[in-house]
């Protein structure tokens, strides 16, 4: 898996997200804030 980098209000974040039919997920890590978030959803587009 490859991590993308982004900057939110001066805080560096690393993450990756993706979609598959009926499934969506995203993960972001903010080392400077000692925070990580992972969302995983089962959903279909209308």
PDB file of N, CA and C in Angstrom:
ATOM      1  N   UNK A   1       0.844  -1.158   0.000  1.00  0.00           N
ATOM      2  CA  UNK A   1       0.000   0.000   0.000  1.00  0.00           C
ATOM      3  C   UNK A   1       0.900   1.234   0.000  1.00  0.00           C
ATOM      4  N   UNK A   2       0.505   2.227  -0.751  1.00  0.00           N
ATOM      5  CA  UNK A   2       1.222   3.495  -0.817  1.00  0.00           C
ATOM      6  C   UNK A   2       0.471   4.518   0.024  1.00  0.00           C
ATOM      7  N   UNK A   3       1.199   5.284   0.819  1.00  0.00           N
ATOM      8  CA  UNK A   3       0.598   6.346   1.615  1.00  0.00           C
ATOM      9  C   UNK A   3       0.747   7.678   0.903  1.00  0.00           C
ATOM     10  N   UNK A   4      -0.338   8.449   0.868  1.00  0.00           N
ATOM     11  CA  UNK A   4      -0.290   9.808   0.345  1.00  0.00           C
ATOM     12  C   UNK A   4       0.002  10.737   1.513  1.00  0.00           C
ATOM     13  N   UNK A   5       0.577  11.896   1.217  1.00  0.00           N
ATOM     14  CA  UNK A   5       0.821  12.894   2.251  1.00  0.00           C
ATOM     15  C   UNK A   5      -0.007  14.131   1.961  1.00  0.00           C
ATOM     16  N   UNK A   6      -0.411  14.796   3.023  1.00  0.00           N
ATOM     17  CA  UNK A   6      -1.174  16.034   2.889  1.00  0.00           C
ATOM     18  C   UNK A   6      -0.900  16.889   4.114  1.00  0.00           C
ATOM     19  N   UNK A   7      -1.261  18.141   4.038  1.00  0.00           N
ATOM     20  CA  UNK A   7      -1.017  19.086   5.115  1.00  0.00           C
ATOM     21  C   UNK A   7      -2.321  19.804   5.453  1.00  0.00           C
ATOM     22  N   UNK A   8      -2.756  19.688   6.706  1.00  0.00           N
ATOM     23  CA  UNK A   8      -3.971  20.364   7.168  1.00  0.00           C
ATOM     24  C   UNK A   8      -3.583  21.371   8.235  1.00  0.00           C
ATOM     25  N   UNK A   9      -3.723  22.640   7.934  1.00  0.00           N
ATOM     26  CA  UNK A   9      -3.427  23.717   8.893  1.00  0.00           C
ATOM     27  C   UNK A   9      -2.057  23.526   9.541  1.00  0.00           C
ATOM     28  N   UNK A  10      -1.075  23.123   8.738  1.00  0.00           N
ATOM     29  CA  UNK A  10       0.286  22.965   9.237  1.00  0.00           C
ATOM     30  C   UNK A  10       0.590  21.624   9.874  1.00  0.00           C
ATOM     31  N   UNK A  11      -0.358  20.686   9.873  1.00  0.00           N
ATOM     32  CA  UNK A  11      -0.144  19.357  10.448  1.00  0.00           C
ATOM     33  C   UNK A  11      -0.007  18.359   9.308  1.00  0.00           C
ATOM     34  N   UNK A  12       1.123  17.659   9.264  1.00  0.00           N
ATOM     35  CA  UNK A  12       1.384  16.676   8.212  1.00  0.00           C
ATOM     36  C   UNK A  12       0.604  15.403   8.488  1.00  0.00           C
ATOM     37  N   UNK A  13      -0.057  14.873   7.452  1.00  0.00           N
ATOM     38  CA  UNK A  13      -0.818  13.639   7.575  1.00  0.00           C
ATOM     39  C   UNK A  13      -0.444  12.659   6.479  1.00  0.00           C
ATOM     40  N   UNK A  14      -0.584  11.373   6.782  1.00  0.00           N
ATOM     41  CA  UNK A  14      -0.294  10.299   5.834  1.00  0.00           C
ATOM     42  C   UNK A  14      -1.503   9.377   5.792  1.00  0.00           C
ATOM     43  N   UNK A  15      -1.896   8.960   4.602  1.00  0.00           N
ATOM     44  CA  UNK A  15      -3.066   8.102   4.555  1.00  0.00           C
ATOM     45  C   UNK A  15      -3.292   7.457   3.213  1.00  0.00           C
ATOM     46  N   UNK A  16      -4.377   6.703   3.182  1.00  0.00           N
ATOM     47  CA  UNK A  16      -4.755   5.992   1.961  1.00  0.00           C
ATOM     48  C   UNK A  16      -6.239   5.656   2.058  1.00  0.00           C
ATOM     49  N   UNK A  17      -6.910   5.741   0.952  1.00  0.00           N
ATOM     50  CA  UNK A  17      -8.320   5.379   0.893  1.00  0.00           C
ATOM     51  C   UNK A  17      -8.600   4.618  -0.381  1.00  0.00           C
ATOM     52  N   UNK A  18      -9.737   3.984  -0.416  1.00  0.00           N
ATOM     53  CA  UNK A  18     -10.086   3.254  -1.616  1.00  0.00           C
ATOM     54  C   UNK A  18     -11.538   2.826  -1.624  1.00  0.00           C
ATOM     55  N   UNK A  19     -11.963   2.413  -2.804  1.00  0.00           N
ATOM     56  CA  UNK A  19     -13.338   1.965  -3.002  1.00  0.00           C
ATOM     57  C   UNK A  19     -13.342   0.655  -3.773  1.00  0.00           C
ATOM     58  N   UNK A  20     -14.330  -0.137  -3.485  1.00  0.00           N
ATOM     59  CA  UNK A  20     -14.628  -1.367  -4.201  1.00  0.00           C
ATOM     60  C   UNK A  20     -16.147  -1.433  -4.210  1.00  0.00           C
ATOM     61  N   UNK A  21     -16.782  -1.995  -5.213  1.00  0.00           N
ATOM     62  CA  UNK A  21     -18.246  -1.998  -5.231  1.00  0.00           C
ATOM     63  C   UNK A  21     -18.839  -2.469  -3.896  1.00  0.00           C
ATOM     64  N   UNK A  22     -19.578  -1.570  -3.267  1.00  0.00           N
ATOM     65  CA  UNK A  22     -20.217  -1.871  -1.995  1.00  0.00           C
ATOM     66  C   UNK A  22     -19.352  -1.645  -0.767  1.00  0.00           C
ATOM     67  N   UNK A  23     -18.132  -1.132  -0.940  1.00  0.00           N
ATOM     68  CA  UNK A  23     -17.203  -1.007   0.181  1.00  0.00           C
ATOM     69  C   UNK A  23     -16.348   0.237  -0.002  1.00  0.00           C
ATOM     70  N   UNK A  24     -16.195   1.030   1.056  1.00  0.00           N
ATOM     71  CA  UNK A  24     -15.391   2.249   1.012  1.00  0.00           C
ATOM     72  C   UNK A  24     -14.560   2.327   2.291  1.00  0.00           C
ATOM     73  N   UNK A  25     -13.311   2.764   2.174  1.00  0.00           N
ATOM     74  CA  UNK A  25     -12.483   2.899   3.368  1.00  0.00           C
ATOM     75  C   UNK A  25     -11.478   4.030   3.197  1.00  0.00           C
ATOM     76  N   UNK A  26     -11.036   4.563   4.327  1.00  0.00           N
ATOM     77  CA  UNK A  26     -10.002   5.590   4.348  1.00  0.00           C
ATOM     78  C   UNK A  26      -9.277   5.514   5.691  1.00  0.00           C
ATOM     79  N   UNK A  27      -7.971   5.756   5.652  1.00  0.00           N
ATOM     80  CA  UNK A  27      -7.153   5.761   6.855  1.00  0.00           C
ATOM     81  C   UNK A  27      -6.225   6.963   6.797  1.00  0.00           C
ATOM     82  N   UNK A  28      -6.138   7.712   7.884  1.00  0.00           N
ATOM     83  CA  UNK A  28      -5.211   8.841   7.981  1.00  0.00           C
ATOM     84  C   UNK A  28      -4.475   8.772   9.305  1.00  0.00           C
ATOM     85  N   UNK A  29      -3.169   9.067   9.257  1.00  0.00           N
ATOM     86  CA  UNK A  29      -2.314   9.085  10.437  1.00  0.00           C
ATOM     87  C   UNK A  29      -1.730  10.488  10.565  1.00  0.00           C
ATOM     88  N   UNK A  30      -1.862  11.064  11.755  1.00  0.00           N
ATOM     89  CA  UNK A  30      -1.316  12.391  12.055  1.00  0.00           C
ATOM     90  C   UNK A  30      -0.305  12.228  13.194  1.00  0.00           C
ATOM     91  N   UNK A  31       0.959  11.902  12.877  1.00  0.00           N
ATOM     92  CA  UNK A  31       1.951  11.622  13.925  1.00  0.00           C
ATOM     93  C   UNK A  31       2.160  12.779  14.900  1.00  0.00           C
ATOM     94  N   UNK A  32       2.111  14.014  14.410  1.00  0.00           N
ATOM     95  CA  UNK A  32       2.337  15.171  15.282  1.00  0.00           C
ATOM     96  C   UNK A  32       1.253  15.305  16.346  1.00  0.00           C
ATOM     97  N   UNK A  33       0.090  14.727  16.086  1.00  0.00           N
ATOM     98  CA  UNK A  33      -1.036  14.787  17.032  1.00  0.00           C
ATOM     99  C   UNK A  33      -1.274  13.447  17.733  1.00  0.00           C
ATOM    100  N   UNK A  34      -0.401  12.466  17.485  1.00  0.00           N
ATOM    101  CA  UNK A  34      -0.572  11.114  18.042  1.00  0.00           C
ATOM    102  C   UNK A  34      -1.974  10.588  17.766  1.00  0.00           C
ATOM    103  N   UNK A  35      -2.417  10.744  16.508  1.00  0.00           N
ATOM    104  CA  UNK A  35      -3.781  10.392  16.135  1.00  0.00           C
ATOM    105  C   UNK A  35      -3.793   9.571  14.852  1.00  0.00           C
ATOM    106  N   UNK A  36      -4.648   8.574  14.818  1.00  0.00           N
ATOM    107  CA  UNK A  36      -4.892   7.799  13.604  1.00  0.00           C
ATOM    108  C   UNK A  36      -6.397   7.551  13.505  1.00  0.00           C
ATOM    109  N   UNK A  37      -6.914   7.585  12.280  1.00  0.00           N
ATOM    110  CA  UNK A  37      -8.343   7.393  12.043  1.00  0.00           C
ATOM    111  C   UNK A  37      -8.513   6.391  10.907  1.00  0.00           C
ATOM    112  N   UNK A  38      -9.423   5.441  11.101  1.00  0.00           N
ATOM    113  CA  UNK A  38      -9.737   4.474  10.051  1.00  0.00           C
ATOM    114  C   UNK A  38     -11.252   4.340   9.962  1.00  0.00           C
ATOM    115  N   UNK A  39     -11.790   4.556   8.778  1.00  0.00           N
ATOM    116  CA  UNK A  39     -13.217   4.382   8.521  1.00  0.00           C
ATOM    117  C   UNK A  39     -13.386   3.297   7.469  1.00  0.00           C
ATOM    118  N   UNK A  40     -14.337   2.427   7.695  1.00  0.00           N
ATOM    119  CA  UNK A  40     -14.668   1.387   6.738  1.00  0.00           C
ATOM    120  C   UNK A  40     -16.191   1.297   6.661  1.00  0.00           C
ATOM    121  N   UNK A  41     -16.732   1.447   5.456  1.00  0.00           N
ATOM    122  CA  UNK A  41     -18.179   1.484   5.280  1.00  0.00           C
ATOM    123  C   UNK A  41     -18.628   0.481   4.231  1.00  0.00           C
ATOM    124  N   UNK A  42     -19.762  -0.129   4.473  1.00  0.00           N
ATOM    125  CA  UNK A  42     -20.428  -0.936   3.457  1.00  0.00           C
ATOM    126  C   UNK A  42     -21.568  -0.087   2.928  1.00  0.00           C
ATOM    127  N   UNK A  43     -21.514   0.280   1.656  1.00  0.00           N
ATOM    128  CA  UNK A  43     -22.530   1.167   1.087  1.00  0.00           C
ATOM    129  C   UNK A  43     -22.553   1.021  -0.426  1.00  0.00           C
ATOM    130  N   UNK A  44     -23.696   1.260  -0.999  1.00  0.00           N
ATOM    131  CA  UNK A  44     -23.870   1.276  -2.450  1.00  0.00           C
ATOM    132  C   UNK A  44     -24.248   2.678  -2.874  1.00  0.00           C
ATOM    133  N   UNK A  45     -23.731   3.114  -4.004  1.00  0.00           N
ATOM    134  CA  UNK A  45     -24.155   4.391  -4.556  1.00  0.00           C
ATOM    135  C   UNK A  45     -25.572   4.247  -5.097  1.00  0.00           C
ATOM    136  N   UNK A  46     -26.401   5.293  -4.949  1.00  0.00           N
ATOM    137  CA  UNK A  46     -27.783   5.200  -5.460  1.00  0.00           C
ATOM    138  C   UNK A  46     -27.827   5.100  -6.975  1.00  0.00           C
TER     139      UNK A  46
END
